[in-house]
Protein backbone atom coordinates (compact mmCIF):
# COMPACT_ATOMS: atom_id res chain seq x y z
CA UNK A 1 161.69 76.44 53.29
CA UNK A 2 159.47 73.15 55.11
CA UNK A 3 160.27 69.99 53.27
CA UNK A 4 156.94 68.57 53.71
CA UNK A 5 154.31 71.34 52.78
CA UNK A 6 150.63 70.71 52.93
CA UNK A 7 148.83 73.58 50.54
CA UNK A 8 145.50 71.30 50.21
CA UNK A 9 144.28 71.43 53.44
CA UNK A 10 143.42 67.95 53.08
CA UNK A 11 141.93 65.89 56.30
CA UNK A 12 144.46 63.68 58.04
CA UNK A 13 143.28 60.72 57.33
CA UNK A 14 143.79 61.36 53.27
CA UNK A 15 146.97 62.92 53.91
CA UNK A 16 148.20 59.50 55.15
CA UNK A 17 146.83 57.77 52.10
CA UNK A 18 148.48 60.51 49.79
CA UNK A 19 151.65 61.69 51.42
CA UNK A 20 154.82 59.76 50.66
CA UNK A 21 153.65 58.28 47.55
CA UNK A 22 155.14 59.19 43.81
CA UNK A 23 153.86 56.75 41.82
CA UNK A 24 154.76 58.99 38.91
CA UNK A 25 158.67 58.46 39.52
CA UNK A 26 157.24 54.19 39.66
CA UNK A 27 155.51 53.69 36.47
CA UNK A 28 152.61 53.94 38.14
CA UNK A 29 153.16 51.62 41.30
CA UNK A 30 151.10 52.75 43.91
CA UNK A 31 153.59 51.67 46.92
CA UNK A 32 157.05 53.21 46.54
CA UNK A 33 158.94 50.00 45.86
CA UNK A 34 161.63 48.43 48.02
CA UNK A 35 165.12 50.29 46.92
CA UNK A 36 168.06 47.79 48.03
CA UNK A 37 171.13 50.29 47.78
CA UNK A 38 174.54 50.61 49.00
CA UNK A 39 176.02 51.84 45.87
CA UNK A 40 174.11 54.30 44.09
CA UNK A 41 176.07 55.10 40.49
CA UNK A 42 176.52 58.79 39.21
CA UNK A 43 176.43 59.62 35.44
CA UNK A 44 179.69 61.38 35.44
CA UNK A 45 182.53 62.77 38.09
CA UNK A 46 181.67 66.01 38.34
CA UNK A 47 178.08 64.73 39.66
CA UNK A 48 179.71 62.19 41.65
CA UNK A 49 181.63 65.02 43.19
CA UNK A 50 178.93 67.50 44.18
CA UNK A 51 176.87 64.57 45.53
CA UNK A 52 176.51 66.32 48.97
CA UNK A 53 176.37 69.72 47.55
CA UNK A 54 173.34 71.51 48.90
CA UNK A 55 172.49 72.43 45.57
CA UNK A 56 172.01 68.66 44.59
CA UNK A 57 168.24 68.40 44.34
CA UNK A 58 169.22 64.46 43.93
CA UNK A 59 168.70 63.20 47.42
CA UNK A 60 169.66 59.40 46.11
CA UNK A 61 173.52 59.71 46.71
CA UNK A 62 174.53 56.51 49.07
CA UNK A 63 171.98 53.63 50.71
CA UNK A 64 173.40 54.85 54.15
CA UNK A 65 172.01 58.52 53.80
CA UNK A 66 168.40 57.19 52.29
CA UNK A 67 166.38 56.08 49.46
CA UNK A 68 162.94 56.78 47.62
CA UNK A 69 161.63 54.11 50.15
CA UNK A 70 162.87 55.87 53.13
CA UNK A 71 162.53 59.37 51.89
CA UNK A 72 158.40 58.73 51.35
CA UNK A 73 158.15 57.09 55.23
CA UNK A 74 160.06 60.14 56.48
CA UNK A 75 157.47 62.44 54.57
CA UNK A 76 154.60 61.04 55.13
CA UNK A 77 155.32 60.66 59.31
CA UNK A 78 156.69 64.32 59.62
CA UNK A 79 153.32 65.71 58.04
CA UNK A 80 151.10 63.66 60.28
CA UNK A 81 153.26 65.21 63.52
CA UNK A 82 153.44 68.52 61.75
CA UNK A 83 157.06 68.05 62.20
CA UNK A 84 159.47 69.59 59.66
CA UNK A 85 161.69 66.56 58.83
CA UNK A 86 162.47 62.97 59.98
CA UNK A 87 165.33 60.31 59.96
CA UNK A 88 164.77 56.84 60.22
CA UNK A 89 166.20 54.43 62.77
CA UNK A 90 166.65 50.69 63.43
CA UNK A 91 165.15 50.35 66.75
CA UNK A 92 163.06 53.07 69.00
CA UNK A 93 165.83 52.99 71.34
CA UNK A 94 168.07 53.82 68.49
CA UNK A 95 166.55 56.63 68.28
CA UNK A 96 166.68 57.87 71.67
CA UNK A 97 169.91 57.42 71.84
CA UNK A 98 170.96 59.22 68.95
CA UNK A 99 168.42 62.19 69.69
CA UNK A 100 170.22 62.66 72.97
CA UNK A 101 173.61 62.43 72.01
CA UNK A 102 173.23 65.04 69.69
CA UNK A 103 172.20 67.62 72.55
CA UNK A 104 174.43 66.16 75.23
CA UNK A 105 177.91 66.94 75.87
CA UNK A 106 180.50 66.28 78.77
CA UNK A 107 179.50 68.15 81.81
CA UNK A 108 175.60 69.15 80.18
CA UNK A 109 172.81 68.86 82.49
CA UNK A 110 169.72 66.10 81.10
CA UNK A 111 166.29 66.43 83.20
CA UNK A 112 164.45 63.26 82.16
CA UNK A 113 161.15 61.99 83.45
CA UNK A 114 161.17 59.10 86.08
CA UNK A 115 158.45 57.25 84.11
CA UNK A 116 160.45 56.42 81.29
CA UNK A 117 160.80 53.69 79.25
CA UNK A 118 163.48 51.27 81.06
CA UNK A 119 165.91 50.87 78.60
CA UNK A 120 166.28 54.77 78.41
CA UNK A 121 167.18 54.84 81.71
CA UNK A 122 170.01 51.88 81.17
CA UNK A 123 171.18 53.95 78.04
CA UNK A 124 171.07 57.27 80.39
CA UNK A 125 172.79 55.57 83.68
CA UNK A 126 175.20 53.63 81.80
CA UNK A 127 176.49 55.31 78.68
CA UNK A 128 175.59 59.24 79.48
CA UNK A 129 176.64 59.59 82.99
CA UNK A 130 179.96 57.57 81.91
CA UNK A 131 180.50 60.31 78.75
CA UNK A 132 180.11 63.30 82.01
CA UNK A 133 176.54 64.22 81.53
CA UNK A 134 174.40 64.67 84.81
CA UNK A 135 171.39 62.51 84.39
CA UNK A 136 168.61 63.80 86.88
CA UNK A 137 165.02 62.49 86.82
CA UNK A 138 161.59 64.09 87.96
CA UNK A 139 158.14 63.72 88.90
CA UNK A 140 155.98 63.63 85.98
CA UNK A 141 153.41 65.46 87.25
CA UNK A 142 155.85 68.64 87.95
CA UNK A 143 154.45 70.73 85.60
CA UNK A 144 156.03 74.62 85.15
CA UNK A 145 157.65 73.97 88.48
CA UNK A 146 160.38 71.82 86.26
CA UNK A 147 161.72 75.67 86.46
CA UNK A 148 163.17 74.94 89.84
CA UNK A 149 165.11 71.90 88.51
CA UNK A 150 166.91 73.92 85.84
CA UNK A 151 170.96 74.63 86.19
CA UNK A 152 173.03 76.51 84.06
CA UNK A 153 174.25 72.97 82.33
CA UNK A 154 170.77 72.08 81.94
CA UNK A 155 170.55 71.43 77.97
CA UNK A 156 167.88 68.93 77.31
CA UNK A 157 164.68 67.70 78.73
CA UNK A 158 163.44 64.75 77.80
CA UNK A 159 159.46 63.83 78.43
CA UNK A 160 157.32 60.47 77.84
CA UNK A 161 154.04 61.21 78.15
CA UNK A 162 152.01 58.86 79.35
CA UNK A 163 154.72 57.29 81.21
CA UNK A 164 155.39 53.63 80.99
CA UNK A 165 153.70 51.39 82.61
CA UNK A 166 152.21 53.75 84.55
CA UNK A 167 150.75 56.50 82.18
CA UNK A 168 151.05 59.22 83.59
CA UNK A 169 150.06 62.54 81.66
CA UNK A 170 152.88 65.51 81.58
CA UNK A 171 151.39 69.26 81.22
CA UNK A 172 153.88 69.57 77.92
CA UNK A 173 152.86 73.22 77.23
CA UNK A 174 154.30 74.14 80.84
CA UNK A 175 157.33 72.19 80.26
CA UNK A 176 158.43 73.24 77.10
CA UNK A 177 157.69 76.69 77.90
CA UNK A 178 160.11 76.76 80.59
CA UNK A 179 162.75 75.04 78.40
CA UNK A 180 162.24 77.75 75.98
CA UNK A 181 162.61 80.15 78.23
CA UNK A 182 166.06 79.05 79.38
CA UNK A 183 167.08 77.70 75.99
CA UNK A 184 166.71 74.35 76.75
CA UNK A 185 165.67 71.14 73.86
CA UNK A 186 162.74 69.22 75.00
CA UNK A 187 162.54 65.74 73.29
CA UNK A 188 159.34 63.73 73.68
CA UNK A 189 158.73 59.98 73.20
CA UNK A 190 155.15 60.03 71.67
CA UNK A 191 155.21 56.27 70.58
CA UNK A 192 151.69 55.75 72.81
CA UNK A 193 149.86 58.66 71.20
CA UNK A 194 151.86 58.17 67.72
CA UNK A 195 151.55 61.46 65.51
CA UNK A 196 147.94 60.85 65.02
CA UNK A 197 146.77 61.38 68.50
CA UNK A 198 149.23 63.97 69.50
CA UNK A 199 151.03 67.23 67.65
CA UNK A 200 154.31 67.23 69.74
CA UNK A 201 155.38 70.86 67.71
CA UNK A 202 151.92 72.34 68.09
CA UNK A 203 153.01 71.94 72.08
CA UNK A 204 156.01 73.21 71.78
CA UNK A 205 158.02 70.43 71.89
CA UNK A 206 161.68 70.42 69.76
CA UNK A 207 161.83 66.77 68.86
CA UNK A 208 159.73 64.14 68.74
CA UNK A 209 160.72 60.07 68.77
CA UNK A 210 158.74 56.84 68.06
CA UNK A 211 159.25 53.31 68.35
CA UNK A 212 157.73 53.12 65.14
CA UNK A 213 158.04 48.89 65.98
CA UNK A 214 154.89 49.53 67.78
CA UNK A 215 151.82 51.07 65.93
CA UNK A 216 153.36 53.02 62.77
CA UNK A 217 154.23 49.19 61.54
CA UNK A 218 151.32 47.82 63.31
CA UNK A 219 152.41 44.32 62.77
CA UNK A 220 154.93 43.26 65.04
CA UNK A 221 157.66 42.14 62.43
CA UNK A 222 159.43 45.46 61.98
CA UNK A 223 162.51 46.99 64.33
CA UNK A 224 162.48 50.66 63.59
CA UNK A 225 162.65 54.08 65.07
CA UNK A 226 162.05 57.49 64.23
CA UNK A 227 163.07 61.20 65.27
CA UNK A 228 160.99 63.99 63.99
CA UNK A 229 162.31 67.09 64.47
CA UNK A 230 161.15 71.24 64.60
CA UNK A 231 163.26 73.07 61.88
CA UNK A 232 165.26 74.82 64.22
CA UNK A 233 167.20 71.15 65.21
CA UNK A 234 166.55 69.52 62.05
CA UNK A 235 170.33 69.57 60.60
CA UNK A 236 171.67 68.22 63.50
CA UNK A 237 169.45 65.26 63.99
CA UNK A 238 170.76 64.84 60.52
CA UNK A 239 174.28 65.05 61.24
CA UNK A 240 174.27 62.98 64.42
CA UNK A 241 172.06 60.36 62.18
CA UNK A 242 174.72 60.55 59.49
CA UNK A 243 177.85 59.98 62.36
CA UNK A 244 176.66 57.30 63.72
CA UNK A 245 175.75 55.38 60.83
CA UNK A 246 172.01 54.52 61.40
CA UNK A 247 169.83 53.71 58.79
CA UNK A 248 166.72 51.63 58.64
CA UNK A 249 166.37 48.32 56.57
CA UNK A 250 164.99 49.07 53.27
CA UNK A 251 162.39 46.41 53.43
CA UNK A 252 161.49 47.35 57.02
CA UNK A 253 160.91 50.88 55.74
CA UNK A 254 158.55 49.54 52.77
CA UNK A 255 156.60 47.89 55.00
CA UNK A 256 155.82 50.42 57.98
CA UNK A 257 155.59 52.88 54.69
CA UNK A 258 152.41 50.56 53.78
CA UNK A 259 150.89 51.04 57.64
CA UNK A 260 151.18 54.64 57.66
CA UNK A 261 148.01 54.02 55.40
CA UNK A 262 146.02 52.60 57.76
CA UNK A 263 147.54 54.07 60.80
CA UNK A 264 144.66 56.02 61.40
CA UNK A 265 141.74 53.57 61.19
CA UNK A 266 144.34 50.83 63.04
CA UNK A 267 144.40 53.46 66.08
CA UNK A 268 140.72 53.87 66.05
CA UNK A 269 139.76 50.48 66.27
CA UNK A 270 142.75 50.06 69.34
CA UNK A 271 141.22 52.62 71.25
CA UNK A 272 137.55 51.59 71.06
CA UNK A 273 138.74 48.31 72.10
CA UNK A 274 140.85 49.45 75.20
CA UNK A 275 138.16 51.51 76.75
CA UNK A 276 135.44 49.00 76.07
CA UNK A 277 138.16 46.76 78.45
CA UNK A 278 138.62 49.24 80.83
CA UNK A 279 135.14 49.74 81.24
CA UNK A 280 134.61 46.27 81.72
CA UNK A 281 137.67 45.91 84.44
CA UNK A 282 135.85 48.76 86.20
CA UNK A 283 133.14 46.45 86.88
CA UNK A 284 135.30 43.65 88.38
CA UNK A 285 135.62 43.21 92.33
CA UNK A 286 139.47 41.42 91.36
CA UNK A 287 140.62 44.88 90.20
CA UNK A 288 142.21 47.25 92.61
CA UNK A 289 142.54 50.13 89.74
CA UNK A 290 142.64 50.77 86.05
CA UNK A 291 145.38 53.07 84.89
CA UNK A 292 144.14 54.73 81.56
CA UNK A 293 144.74 58.75 80.33
CA UNK A 294 140.65 58.64 79.63
CA UNK A 295 139.81 58.18 83.22
CA UNK A 296 139.00 61.12 85.28
CA UNK A 297 140.79 60.29 88.21
CA UNK A 298 143.68 59.09 86.22
CA UNK A 299 147.03 61.48 87.34
CA UNK A 300 147.33 64.06 84.46
CA UNK A 301 143.70 63.51 83.08
CA UNK A 302 143.21 66.81 82.55
CA UNK A 303 146.52 67.50 80.39
CA UNK A 304 145.33 64.42 78.10
CA UNK A 305 141.93 65.59 77.86
CA UNK A 306 143.30 69.01 76.88
CA UNK A 307 146.21 67.58 74.63
CA UNK A 308 145.79 64.54 73.12
CA UNK A 309 143.08 63.65 70.36
CA UNK A 310 142.58 60.34 71.44
CA UNK A 311 144.61 57.21 73.22
CA UNK A 312 145.98 54.10 72.10
CA UNK A 313 145.64 50.32 73.06
CA UNK A 314 147.86 50.06 76.05
CA UNK A 315 147.10 50.57 79.44
CA UNK A 316 147.48 48.90 82.91
CA UNK A 317 145.20 47.14 85.38
CA UNK A 318 146.11 46.49 89.01
CA UNK A 319 144.54 43.74 90.63
CA UNK A 320 143.85 43.06 94.57
CA UNK A 321 146.61 40.96 96.36
CA UNK A 322 146.46 37.44 94.93
CA UNK A 323 149.63 34.20 95.28
CA UNK A 324 151.59 34.94 92.62
CA UNK A 325 150.70 31.14 91.53
CA UNK A 326 146.97 32.37 90.53
CA UNK A 327 148.47 35.17 89.30
CA UNK A 328 150.66 33.14 86.56
CA UNK A 329 147.71 30.92 86.12
CA UNK A 330 145.57 33.54 85.14
CA UNK A 331 148.41 35.18 82.69
CA UNK A 332 149.35 31.77 81.31
CA UNK A 333 146.13 30.22 80.19
CA UNK A 334 145.19 33.11 78.34
CA UNK A 335 143.95 32.37 74.78
CA UNK A 336 144.14 36.07 72.97
CA UNK A 337 146.25 37.79 75.39
CA UNK A 338 149.73 36.76 74.15
CA UNK A 339 152.85 37.30 76.47
CA UNK A 340 155.55 40.19 74.84
CA UNK A 341 157.57 42.70 75.35
CA UNK A 342 156.15 45.29 72.31
CA UNK A 343 152.85 45.88 71.67
CA UNK A 344 151.34 47.92 68.79
CA UNK A 345 150.75 44.83 66.58
CA UNK A 346 147.36 43.99 66.03
CA UNK A 347 147.58 40.68 68.71
CA UNK A 348 146.29 41.69 72.05
CA UNK A 349 149.15 41.50 75.36
CA UNK A 350 149.09 41.05 78.94
CA UNK A 351 152.25 40.78 80.85
CA UNK A 352 153.12 41.65 84.51
CA UNK A 353 154.87 44.89 85.17
CA UNK A 354 157.07 45.96 87.95
CA UNK A 355 157.05 49.85 87.88
CA UNK A 356 159.19 50.08 91.39
CA UNK A 357 161.85 48.54 89.91
CA UNK A 358 162.38 52.03 87.73
CA UNK A 359 162.12 54.79 90.32
CA UNK A 360 164.06 57.23 91.94
CA UNK A 361 162.45 60.80 91.97
CA UNK A 362 158.86 58.95 92.65
CA UNK A 363 157.53 56.04 94.38
CA UNK A 364 155.17 53.67 92.90
CA UNK A 365 153.14 51.84 95.55
CA UNK A 366 150.63 49.07 95.63
CA UNK A 367 149.11 46.40 96.83
CA UNK A 368 148.40 44.63 93.90
CA UNK A 369 149.97 43.46 90.75
CA UNK A 370 149.63 45.40 87.89
CA UNK A 371 149.20 44.34 84.20
CA UNK A 372 150.26 45.69 81.62
CA UNK A 373 147.19 45.72 78.93
CA UNK A 374 147.43 45.97 75.03
CA UNK A 375 144.30 45.94 73.46
CA UNK A 376 144.44 44.31 69.86
CA UNK A 377 142.27 43.98 67.26
CA UNK A 378 140.30 40.60 68.17
CA UNK A 379 136.65 40.59 68.62
CA UNK A 380 135.81 42.56 71.84
CA UNK A 381 133.26 40.03 73.22
CA UNK A 382 136.19 37.36 72.32
CA UNK A 383 138.65 39.52 74.52
CA UNK A 384 135.87 39.65 77.15
CA UNK A 385 135.79 35.82 76.85
CA UNK A 386 139.09 35.48 77.14
CA UNK A 387 139.66 37.55 80.20
CA UNK A 388 136.29 36.03 82.02
CA UNK A 389 138.10 32.93 81.85
CA UNK A 390 141.25 34.33 82.90
CA UNK A 391 139.45 35.86 86.10
CA UNK A 392 138.05 32.16 86.88
CA UNK A 393 141.65 30.81 87.25
CA UNK A 394 142.68 33.62 89.65
CA UNK A 395 139.64 33.04 91.76
CA UNK A 396 140.44 29.39 91.75
């Protein structure tokens, strides 16, 4: 039986507010309290010895295996994306590594999008290959032609859509259809779109992962990963999760659970600010190209328009060639756009990016410098003013 049914057919925004709340079990408290627990006491020896029995309805048996705080967060995010189950981990990279190691063994073949988050590449190239896994990168725009790369040993196709830094959108239904025909598991990094703007399981994905550090937390103060799974792979994911002893801190689970209540409202504001900035950048002579899935000329735009329900606040801008010191003057002098590696928080960010350093199946060529931009929740006119001053420094 599905763990997270929605018999009421309420709107997604309402479900994000009410799901994963168990006030009646916590003296009427609206937010599920923080449960800091390792040892959990049992009423008698019989209950203790049956604690892992599937018939045991008490899920709280040991801190490592979850508490009401973590279970409620798992419930709400699984429901939002249409998944069967979810588990929490201490980072997005932990979610990636646990998801991959669940399904890969020595001698297996992994197909992975060439545009993935670069620490993911490092994990695959330095750890999985040492385990005897054959790692092959593919062009994210390959679509259904990925069938030509399938081997008898192919066990996993790993997607990230849009791709890191350059935001190519994949034809996910075409790829998952090929995967299912060959008995291959598909894993999608859905951090950019979140469970709100892309419904992985409705498009055939088996496992969806998130760096909850980003939008799900939304306040730049939590490290967390989440793996959401379809029913047929949920037990395998939970088993690997237990075997590796990976769990999220209770205070982080609490903070992220609270943040899910405003996730949809926040995402719509991020989307609006990003689209306004995209339009502003398109009107600047200093800009060579804007990389955003909502633009008609963007690689994979047709797939984004067909499959996605919105766009988050992260995109790219390629500037026309300028001396590096001018670029540094521009970025270093920004007042509202911080310089930081993460994104998804309330604050705007801007960093230079170098996709050519992390590609093997494709090539990234451009005459100008790519900037990765995260549109935060600041007033849009203030952000434009900050950018205007930045271009003055760029043009000196």
